[in-house]
Amino acid sequence: MSSRRSRSRHSGGSRISEDQINDLVSKLQQVLPELQNRSSDKVSAARVLQETCNYIRSLHREVDDLSDRLSELLETSDTTQAALIRSLLMQ
């Protein structure tokens, strides 16, 4: 018996089927910009997961960059403009 099967039998709780995993990988592939146009090409699950990790990292970097830019904007804005920007962000 493979170690993969032994672990899955001992994990208990709900188990996910191979079809469900394939469906989830396919859904990930559809939303990843790097892989969106490759629907006809067979892309390995490992590649989809790697691209997912890369995309999440890039989104984190983008959020950090935008946050830094917003902080700079708030620091250089006058009190009225800064208050307006803050109120818009709170909506």
PDB file of N, CA and C in Angstrom:
ATOM      1  N   MET A   1       0.851  -1.181   0.000  1.00  0.00           N
ATOM      2  CA  MET A   1       0.000   0.000   0.000  1.00  0.00           C
ATOM      3  C   MET A   1       0.895   1.241   0.000  1.00  0.00           C
ATOM      4  N   SER A   2       0.568   2.227  -0.785  1.00  0.00           N
ATOM      5  CA  SER A   2       1.392   3.430  -0.860  1.00  0.00           C
ATOM      6  C   SER A   2       1.216   4.262   0.407  1.00  0.00           C
ATOM      7  N   SER A   3       2.220   5.076   0.695  1.00  0.00           N
ATOM      8  CA  SER A   3       2.134   5.917   1.884  1.00  0.00           C
ATOM      9  C   SER A   3       1.031   6.955   1.740  1.00  0.00           C
ATOM     10  N   ARG A   4       0.756   7.374   0.508  1.00  0.00           N
ATOM     11  CA  ARG A   4      -0.312   8.344   0.278  1.00  0.00           C
ATOM     12  C   ARG A   4      -1.652   7.748   0.706  1.00  0.00           C
ATOM     13  N   ARG A   5      -1.906   6.525   0.318  1.00  0.00           N
ATOM     14  CA  ARG A   5      -3.168   5.890   0.694  1.00  0.00           C
ATOM     15  C   ARG A   5      -3.234   5.656   2.196  1.00  0.00           C
ATOM     16  N   SER A   6      -2.124   5.261   2.827  1.00  0.00           N
ATOM     17  CA  SER A   6      -2.167   5.012   4.254  1.00  0.00           C
ATOM     18  C   SER A   6      -2.478   6.289   5.018  1.00  0.00           C
ATOM     19  N   ARG A   7      -1.865   7.386   4.597  1.00  0.00           N
ATOM     20  CA  ARG A   7      -2.137   8.650   5.292  1.00  0.00           C
ATOM     21  C   ARG A   7      -3.585   9.053   5.123  1.00  0.00           C
ATOM     22  N   SER A   8      -4.145   8.892   3.935  1.00  0.00           N
ATOM     23  CA  SER A   8      -5.510   9.344   3.723  1.00  0.00           C
ATOM     24  C   SER A   8      -6.501   8.507   4.523  1.00  0.00           C
ATOM     25  N   ARG A   9      -6.212   7.246   4.735  1.00  0.00           N
ATOM     26  CA  ARG A   9      -7.110   6.411   5.531  1.00  0.00           C
ATOM     27  C   ARG A   9      -7.080   6.797   6.996  1.00  0.00           C
ATOM     28  N   HIS A  10      -5.935   7.267   7.467  1.00  0.00           N
ATOM     29  CA  HIS A  10      -5.802   7.602   8.877  1.00  0.00           C
ATOM     30  C   HIS A  10      -6.208   9.048   9.172  1.00  0.00           C
ATOM     31  N   SER A  11      -6.415   9.838   8.155  1.00  0.00           N
ATOM     32  CA  SER A  11      -6.707  11.251   8.391  1.00  0.00           C
ATOM     33  C   SER A  11      -8.098  11.471   8.952  1.00  0.00           C
ATOM     34  N   GLY A  12      -9.020  10.543   8.701  1.00  0.00           N
ATOM     35  CA  GLY A  12     -10.370  10.690   9.227  1.00  0.00           C
ATOM     36  C   GLY A  12     -11.083  11.894   8.637  1.00  0.00           C
ATOM     37  N   GLY A  13     -12.228  12.224   9.182  1.00  0.00           N
ATOM     38  CA  GLY A  13     -12.963  13.390   8.716  1.00  0.00           C
ATOM     39  C   GLY A  13     -13.374  13.266   7.266  1.00  0.00           C
ATOM     40  N   SER A  14     -13.683  14.398   6.669  1.00  0.00           N
ATOM     41  CA  SER A  14     -14.118  14.380   5.277  1.00  0.00           C
ATOM     42  C   SER A  14     -12.916  14.244   4.351  1.00  0.00           C
ATOM     43  N   ARG A  15     -13.117  13.506   3.288  1.00  0.00           N
ATOM     44  CA  ARG A  15     -12.056  13.296   2.300  1.00  0.00           C
ATOM     45  C   ARG A  15     -12.498  13.916   0.988  1.00  0.00           C
ATOM     46  N   ILE A  16     -11.546  14.372   0.248  1.00  0.00           N
ATOM     47  CA  ILE A  16     -11.842  14.991  -1.038  1.00  0.00           C
ATOM     48  C   ILE A  16     -11.448  14.006  -2.131  1.00  0.00           C
ATOM     49  N   SER A  17     -12.318  13.875  -3.111  1.00  0.00           N
ATOM     50  CA  SER A  17     -12.060  12.910  -4.180  1.00  0.00           C
ATOM     51  C   SER A  17     -11.101  13.496  -5.216  1.00  0.00           C
ATOM     52  N   GLU A  18     -10.541  12.617  -6.008  1.00  0.00           N
ATOM     53  CA  GLU A  18      -9.638  13.057  -7.075  1.00  0.00           C
ATOM     54  C   GLU A  18     -10.391  13.941  -8.072  1.00  0.00           C
ATOM     55  N   ASP A  19     -11.659  13.618  -8.336  1.00  0.00           N
ATOM     56  CA  ASP A  19     -12.463  14.450  -9.244  1.00  0.00           C
ATOM     57  C   ASP A  19     -12.653  15.853  -8.677  1.00  0.00           C
ATOM     58  N   GLN A  20     -12.865  15.953  -7.372  1.00  0.00           N
ATOM     59  CA  GLN A  20     -13.027  17.269  -6.752  1.00  0.00           C
ATOM     60  C   GLN A  20     -11.725  18.064  -6.841  1.00  0.00           C
ATOM     61  N   ILE A  21     -10.611  17.390  -6.618  1.00  0.00           N
ATOM     62  CA  ILE A  21      -9.313  18.062  -6.730  1.00  0.00           C
ATOM     63  C   ILE A  21      -9.104  18.559  -8.155  1.00  0.00           C
ATOM     64  N   ASN A  22      -9.383  17.711  -9.127  1.00  0.00           N
ATOM     65  CA  ASN A  22      -9.235  18.114 -10.531  1.00  0.00           C
ATOM     66  C   ASN A  22     -10.131  19.297 -10.867  1.00  0.00           C
ATOM     67  N   ASP A  23     -11.352  19.298 -10.327  1.00  0.00           N
ATOM     68  CA  ASP A  23     -12.276  20.405 -10.562  1.00  0.00           C
ATOM     69  C   ASP A  23     -11.734  21.698  -9.950  1.00  0.00           C
ATOM     70  N   LEU A  24     -11.210  21.612  -8.742  1.00  0.00           N
ATOM     71  CA  LEU A  24     -10.649  22.795  -8.089  1.00  0.00           C
ATOM     72  C   LEU A  24      -9.414  23.319  -8.815  1.00  0.00           C
ATOM     73  N   VAL A  25      -8.570  22.415  -9.272  1.00  0.00           N
ATOM     74  CA  VAL A  25      -7.381  22.822 -10.036  1.00  0.00           C
ATOM     75  C   VAL A  25      -7.813  23.503 -11.329  1.00  0.00           C
ATOM     76  N   SER A  26      -8.837  22.967 -11.974  1.00  0.00           N
ATOM     77  CA  SER A  26      -9.355  23.570 -13.201  1.00  0.00           C
ATOM     78  C   SER A  26      -9.901  24.976 -12.935  1.00  0.00           C
ATOM     79  N   LYS A  27     -10.594  25.154 -11.821  1.00  0.00           N
ATOM     80  CA  LYS A  27     -11.118  26.477 -11.468  1.00  0.00           C
ATOM     81  C   LYS A  27      -9.987  27.461 -11.191  1.00  0.00           C
ATOM     82  N   LEU A  28      -8.948  26.990 -10.515  1.00  0.00           N
ATOM     83  CA  LEU A  28      -7.786  27.857 -10.285  1.00  0.00           C
ATOM     84  C   LEU A  28      -7.164  28.283 -11.604  1.00  0.00           C
ATOM     85  N   GLN A  29      -7.037  27.333 -12.513  1.00  0.00           N
ATOM     86  CA  GLN A  29      -6.428  27.623 -13.815  1.00  0.00           C
ATOM     87  C   GLN A  29      -7.224  28.704 -14.544  1.00  0.00           C
ATOM     88  N   GLN A  30      -8.526  28.704 -14.392  1.00  0.00           N
ATOM     89  CA  GLN A  30      -9.381  29.667 -15.084  1.00  0.00           C
ATOM     90  C   GLN A  30      -9.209  31.088 -14.566  1.00  0.00           C
ATOM     91  N   VAL A  31      -8.801  31.243 -13.304  1.00  0.00           N
ATOM     92  CA  VAL A  31      -8.688  32.593 -12.749  1.00  0.00           C
ATOM     93  C   VAL A  31      -7.259  33.126 -12.719  1.00  0.00           C
ATOM     94  N   LEU A  32      -6.299  32.291 -13.055  1.00  0.00           N
ATOM     95  CA  LEU A  32      -4.911  32.740 -13.057  1.00  0.00           C
ATOM     96  C   LEU A  32      -4.562  33.387 -14.393  1.00  0.00           C
ATOM     97  N   PRO A  33      -4.150  34.649 -14.373  1.00  0.00           N
ATOM     98  CA  PRO A  33      -3.836  35.331 -15.630  1.00  0.00           C
ATOM     99  C   PRO A  33      -2.806  34.575 -16.468  1.00  0.00           C
ATOM    100  N   GLU A  34      -1.825  33.988 -15.829  1.00  0.00           N
ATOM    101  CA  GLU A  34      -0.750  33.286 -16.537  1.00  0.00           C
ATOM    102  C   GLU A  34      -1.259  32.048 -17.274  1.00  0.00           C
ATOM    103  N   LEU A  35      -2.348  31.463 -16.802  1.00  0.00           N
ATOM    104  CA  LEU A  35      -2.830  30.199 -17.372  1.00  0.00           C
ATOM    105  C   LEU A  35      -4.213  30.290 -18.013  1.00  0.00           C
ATOM    106  N   GLN A  36      -4.856  31.430 -17.963  1.00  0.00           N
ATOM    107  CA  GLN A  36      -6.224  31.579 -18.477  1.00  0.00           C
ATOM    108  C   GLN A  36      -6.365  31.160 -19.937  1.00  0.00           C
ATOM    109  N   ASN A  37      -5.439  31.529 -20.755  1.00  0.00           N
ATOM    110  CA  ASN A  37      -5.551  31.289 -22.191  1.00  0.00           C
ATOM    111  C   ASN A  37      -5.069  29.907 -22.605  1.00  0.00           C
ATOM    112  N   ARG A  38      -4.785  29.065 -21.651  1.00  0.00           N
ATOM    113  CA  ARG A  38      -4.276  27.734 -21.956  1.00  0.00           C
ATOM    114  C   ARG A  38      -5.307  26.657 -21.651  1.00  0.00           C
ATOM    115  N   SER A  39      -6.575  26.972 -21.796  1.00  0.00           N
ATOM    116  CA  SER A  39      -7.623  26.009 -21.443  1.00  0.00           C
ATOM    117  C   SER A  39      -7.550  24.747 -22.293  1.00  0.00           C
ATOM    118  N   SER A  40      -7.082  24.869 -23.522  1.00  0.00           N
ATOM    119  CA  SER A  40      -6.997  23.688 -24.378  1.00  0.00           C
ATOM    120  C   SER A  40      -5.742  22.873 -24.079  1.00  0.00           C
ATOM    121  N   ASP A  41      -4.707  23.535 -23.539  1.00  0.00           N
ATOM    122  CA  ASP A  41      -3.476  22.829 -23.191  1.00  0.00           C
ATOM    123  C   ASP A  41      -3.637  22.157 -21.835  1.00  0.00           C
ATOM    124  N   LYS A  42      -3.076  20.985 -21.727  1.00  0.00           N
ATOM    125  CA  LYS A  42      -3.093  20.271 -20.455  1.00  0.00           C
ATOM    126  C   LYS A  42      -1.968  20.827 -19.595  1.00  0.00           C
ATOM    127  N   VAL A  43      -2.321  21.390 -18.463  1.00  0.00           N
ATOM    128  CA  VAL A  43      -1.350  21.941 -17.532  1.00  0.00           C
ATOM    129  C   VAL A  43      -1.397  21.085 -16.273  1.00  0.00           C
ATOM    130  N   SER A  44      -0.239  20.712 -15.768  1.00  0.00           N
ATOM    131  CA  SER A  44      -0.203  19.846 -14.595  1.00  0.00           C
ATOM    132  C   SER A  44      -0.751  20.573 -13.365  1.00  0.00           C
ATOM    133  N   ALA A  45      -1.286  19.790 -12.451  1.00  0.00           N
ATOM    134  CA  ALA A  45      -1.806  20.350 -11.201  1.00  0.00           C
ATOM    135  C   ALA A  45      -0.690  21.052 -10.442  1.00  0.00           C
ATOM    136  N   ALA A  46       0.515  20.477 -10.483  1.00  0.00           N
ATOM    137  CA  ALA A  46       1.651  21.100  -9.803  1.00  0.00           C
ATOM    138  C   ALA A  46       1.934  22.486 -10.377  1.00  0.00           C
ATOM    139  N   ARG A  47       1.874  22.614 -11.685  1.00  0.00           N
ATOM    140  CA  ARG A  47       2.110  23.921 -12.325  1.00  0.00           C
ATOM    141  C   ARG A  47       1.018  24.916 -11.930  1.00  0.00           C
ATOM    142  N   VAL A  48      -0.230  24.463 -11.904  1.00  0.00           N
ATOM    143  CA  VAL A  48      -1.336  25.345 -11.513  1.00  0.00           C
ATOM    144  C   VAL A  48      -1.139  25.813 -10.073  1.00  0.00           C
ATOM    145  N   LEU A  49      -0.761  24.904  -9.188  1.00  0.00           N
ATOM    146  CA  LEU A  49      -0.546  25.288  -7.793  1.00  0.00           C
ATOM    147  C   LEU A  49       0.645  26.231  -7.657  1.00  0.00           C
ATOM    148  N   GLN A  50       1.708  25.992  -8.412  1.00  0.00           N
ATOM    149  CA  GLN A  50       2.865  26.885  -8.375  1.00  0.00           C
ATOM    150  C   GLN A  50       2.498  28.277  -8.876  1.00  0.00           C
ATOM    151  N   GLU A  51       1.761  28.339  -9.977  1.00  0.00           N
ATOM    152  CA  GLU A  51       1.326  29.634 -10.519  1.00  0.00           C
ATOM    153  C   GLU A  51       0.371  30.332  -9.550  1.00  0.00           C
ATOM    154  N   THR A  52      -0.450  29.563  -8.836  1.00  0.00           N
ATOM    155  CA  THR A  52      -1.344  30.139  -7.832  1.00  0.00           C
ATOM    156  C   THR A  52      -0.530  30.802  -6.730  1.00  0.00           C
ATOM    157  N   CYS A  53       0.488  30.113  -6.248  1.00  0.00           N
ATOM    158  CA  CYS A  53       1.364  30.685  -5.218  1.00  0.00           C
ATOM    159  C   CYS A  53       2.057  31.943  -5.723  1.00  0.00           C
ATOM    160  N   ASN A  54       2.568  31.896  -6.947  1.00  0.00           N
ATOM    161  CA  ASN A  54       3.225  33.068  -7.537  1.00  0.00           C
ATOM    162  C   ASN A  54       2.262  34.242  -7.646  1.00  0.00           C
ATOM    163  N   TYR A  55       1.035  33.960  -8.070  1.00  0.00           N
ATOM    164  CA  TYR A  55       0.041  35.019  -8.241  1.00  0.00           C
ATOM    165  C   TYR A  55      -0.343  35.636  -6.895  1.00  0.00           C
ATOM    166  N   ILE A  56      -0.501  34.803  -5.881  1.00  0.00           N
ATOM    167  CA  ILE A  56      -0.830  35.316  -4.548  1.00  0.00           C
ATOM    168  C   ILE A  56       0.308  36.191  -4.036  1.00  0.00           C
ATOM    169  N   ARG A  57       1.557  35.751  -4.244  1.00  0.00           N
ATOM    170  CA  ARG A  57       2.710  36.572  -3.840  1.00  0.00           C
ATOM    171  C   ARG A  57       2.701  37.922  -4.559  1.00  0.00           C
ATOM    172  N   SER A  58       2.403  37.902  -5.855  1.00  0.00           N
ATOM    173  CA  SER A  58       2.394  39.163  -6.611  1.00  0.00           C
ATOM    174  C   SER A  58       1.266  40.070  -6.129  1.00  0.00           C
ATOM    175  N   LEU A  59       0.128  39.489  -5.774  1.00  0.00           N
ATOM    176  CA  LEU A  59      -0.974  40.302  -5.234  1.00  0.00           C
ATOM    177  C   LEU A  59      -0.586  40.920  -3.893  1.00  0.00           C
ATOM    178  N   HIS A  60       0.114  40.158  -3.054  1.00  0.00           N
ATOM    179  CA  HIS A  60       0.583  40.699  -1.775  1.00  0.00           C
ATOM    180  C   HIS A  60       1.535  41.867  -2.008  1.00  0.00           C
ATOM    181  N   ARG A  61       2.452  41.713  -2.970  1.00  0.00           N
ATOM    182  CA  ARG A  61       3.385  42.808  -3.278  1.00  0.00           C
ATOM    183  C   ARG A  61       2.626  44.035  -3.778  1.00  0.00           C
ATOM    184  N   GLU A  62       1.621  43.810  -4.604  1.00  0.00           N
ATOM    185  CA  GLU A  62       0.832  44.923  -5.136  1.00  0.00           C
ATOM    186  C   GLU A  62       0.070  45.636  -4.028  1.00  0.00           C
ATOM    187  N   VAL A  63      -0.508  44.879  -3.106  1.00  0.00           N
ATOM    188  CA  VAL A  63      -1.219  45.478  -1.967  1.00  0.00           C
ATOM    189  C   VAL A  63      -0.246  46.288  -1.124  1.00  0.00           C
ATOM    190  N   ASP A  64       0.943  45.731  -0.851  1.00  0.00           N
ATOM    191  CA  ASP A  64       1.944  46.463  -0.067  1.00  0.00           C
ATOM    192  C   ASP A  64       2.349  47.753  -0.768  1.00  0.00           C
ATOM    193  N   ASP A  65       2.550  47.691  -2.072  1.00  0.00           N
ATOM    194  CA  ASP A  65       2.935  48.876  -2.841  1.00  0.00           C
ATOM    195  C   ASP A  65       1.831  49.931  -2.800  1.00  0.00           C
ATOM    196  N   LEU A  66       0.595  49.503  -3.001  1.00  0.00           N
ATOM    197  CA  LEU A  66      -0.524  50.448  -2.964  1.00  0.00           C
ATOM    198  C   LEU A  66      -0.700  51.050  -1.573  1.00  0.00           C
ATOM    199  N   SER A  67      -0.481  50.245  -0.564  1.00  0.00           N
ATOM    200  CA  SER A  67      -0.569  50.738   0.809  1.00  0.00           C
ATOM    201  C   SER A  67       0.496  51.795   1.074  1.00  0.00           C
ATOM    202  N   ASP A  68       1.707  51.525   0.604  1.00  0.00           N
ATOM    203  CA  ASP A  68       2.788  52.507   0.760  1.00  0.00           C
ATOM    204  C   ASP A  68       2.465  53.799   0.017  1.00  0.00           C
ATOM    205  N   ARG A  69       1.968  53.661  -1.193  1.00  0.00           N
ATOM    206  CA  ARG A  69       1.625  54.850  -1.984  1.00  0.00           C
ATOM    207  C   ARG A  69       0.510  55.649  -1.319  1.00  0.00           C
ATOM    208  N   LEU A  70      -0.466  54.958  -0.758  1.00  0.00           N
ATOM    209  CA  LEU A  70      -1.561  55.641  -0.068  1.00  0.00           C
ATOM    210  C   LEU A  70      -1.046  56.366   1.173  1.00  0.00           C
ATOM    211  N   SER A  71      -0.162  55.718   1.911  1.00  0.00           N
ATOM    212  CA  SER A  71       0.420  56.363   3.101  1.00  0.00           C
ATOM    213  C   SER A  71       1.162  57.631   2.713  1.00  0.00           C
ATOM    214  N   GLU A  72       1.931  57.550   1.630  1.00  0.00           N
ATOM    215  CA  GLU A  72       2.646  58.738   1.155  1.00  0.00           C
ATOM    216  C   GLU A  72       1.673  59.834   0.753  1.00  0.00           C
ATOM    217  N   LEU A  73       0.606  59.451   0.074  1.00  0.00           N
ATOM    218  CA  LEU A  73      -0.394  60.429  -0.353  1.00  0.00           C
ATOM    219  C   LEU A  73      -1.038  61.102   0.849  1.00  0.00           C
ATOM    220  N   LEU A  74      -1.369  60.319   1.858  1.00  0.00           N
ATOM    221  CA  LEU A  74      -1.999  60.889   3.047  1.00  0.00           C
ATOM    222  C   LEU A  74      -1.041  61.812   3.796  1.00  0.00           C
ATOM    223  N   GLU A  75       0.253  61.481   3.786  1.00  0.00           N
ATOM    224  CA  GLU A  75       1.240  62.326   4.462  1.00  0.00           C
ATOM    225  C   GLU A  75       1.429  63.657   3.746  1.00  0.00           C
ATOM    226  N   THR A  76       1.312  63.651   2.429  1.00  0.00           N
ATOM    227  CA  THR A  76       1.564  64.878   1.663  1.00  0.00           C
ATOM    228  C   THR A  76       0.298  65.691   1.416  1.00  0.00           C
ATOM    229  N   SER A  77      -0.849  65.128   1.731  1.00  0.00           N
ATOM    230  CA  SER A  77      -2.107  65.850   1.514  1.00  0.00           C
ATOM    231  C   SER A  77      -2.393  66.769   2.685  1.00  0.00           C
ATOM    232  N   ASP A  78      -3.161  67.827   2.398  1.00  0.00           N
ATOM    233  CA  ASP A  78      -3.565  68.675   3.514  1.00  0.00           C
ATOM    234  C   ASP A  78      -4.640  67.942   4.324  1.00  0.00           C
ATOM    235  N   THR A  79      -4.988  68.500   5.444  1.00  0.00           N
ATOM    236  CA  THR A  79      -5.906  67.846   6.384  1.00  0.00           C
ATOM    237  C   THR A  79      -7.252  67.543   5.757  1.00  0.00           C
ATOM    238  N   THR A  80      -7.782  68.457   4.961  1.00  0.00           N
ATOM    239  CA  THR A  80      -9.094  68.254   4.335  1.00  0.00           C
ATOM    240  C   THR A  80      -9.048  67.117   3.329  1.00  0.00           C
ATOM    241  N   GLN A  81      -8.015  67.109   2.482  1.00  0.00           N
ATOM    242  CA  GLN A  81      -7.879  66.035   1.494  1.00  0.00           C
ATOM    243  C   GLN A  81      -7.666  64.678   2.175  1.00  0.00           C
ATOM    244  N   ALA A  82      -6.838  64.648   3.196  1.00  0.00           N
ATOM    245  CA  ALA A  82      -6.572  63.407   3.913  1.00  0.00           C
ATOM    246  C   ALA A  82      -7.854  62.884   4.567  1.00  0.00           C
ATOM    247  N   ALA A  83      -8.638  63.776   5.136  1.00  0.00           N
ATOM    248  CA  ALA A  83      -9.902  63.376   5.772  1.00  0.00           C
ATOM    249  C   ALA A  83     -10.872  62.817   4.727  1.00  0.00           C
ATOM    250  N   LEU A  84     -10.902  63.442   3.554  1.00  0.00           N
ATOM    251  CA  LEU A  84     -11.767  62.962   2.474  1.00  0.00           C
ATOM    252  C   LEU A  84     -11.330  61.568   2.011  1.00  0.00           C
ATOM    253  N   ILE A  85     -10.033  61.380   1.832  1.00  0.00           N
ATOM    254  CA  ILE A  85      -9.517  60.074   1.404  1.00  0.00           C
ATOM    255  C   ILE A  85      -9.841  59.018   2.448  1.00  0.00           C
ATOM    256  N   ARG A  86      -9.625  59.337   3.717  1.00  0.00           N
ATOM    257  CA  ARG A  86      -9.935  58.379   4.789  1.00  0.00           C
ATOM    258  C   ARG A  86     -11.417  58.031   4.803  1.00  0.00           C
ATOM    259  N   SER A  87     -12.278  59.021   4.608  1.00  0.00           N
ATOM    260  CA  SER A  87     -13.721  58.750   4.638  1.00  0.00           C
ATOM    261  C   SER A  87     -14.126  57.867   3.455  1.00  0.00           C
ATOM    262  N   LEU A  88     -13.480  58.074   2.304  1.00  0.00           N
ATOM    263  CA  LEU A  88     -13.766  57.223   1.147  1.00  0.00           C
ATOM    264  C   LEU A  88     -13.314  55.777   1.385  1.00  0.00           C
ATOM    265  N   LEU A  89     -12.194  55.627   2.060  1.00  0.00           N
ATOM    266  CA  LEU A  89     -11.689  54.284   2.365  1.00  0.00           C
ATOM    267  C   LEU A  89     -12.565  53.550   3.369  1.00  0.00           C
ATOM    268  N   MET A  90     -13.236  54.273   4.213  1.00  0.00           N
ATOM    269  CA  MET A  90     -14.067  53.645   5.237  1.00  0.00           C
ATOM    270  C   MET A  90     -15.429  53.188   4.704  1.00  0.00           C
ATOM    271  N   GLN A  91     -15.777  53.591   3.506  1.00  0.00           N
ATOM    272  CA  GLN A  91     -17.096  53.222   2.951  1.00  0.00           C
ATOM    273  C   GLN A  91     -17.143  51.798   2.507  1.00  0.00           C
TER     274      GLN A  91
END
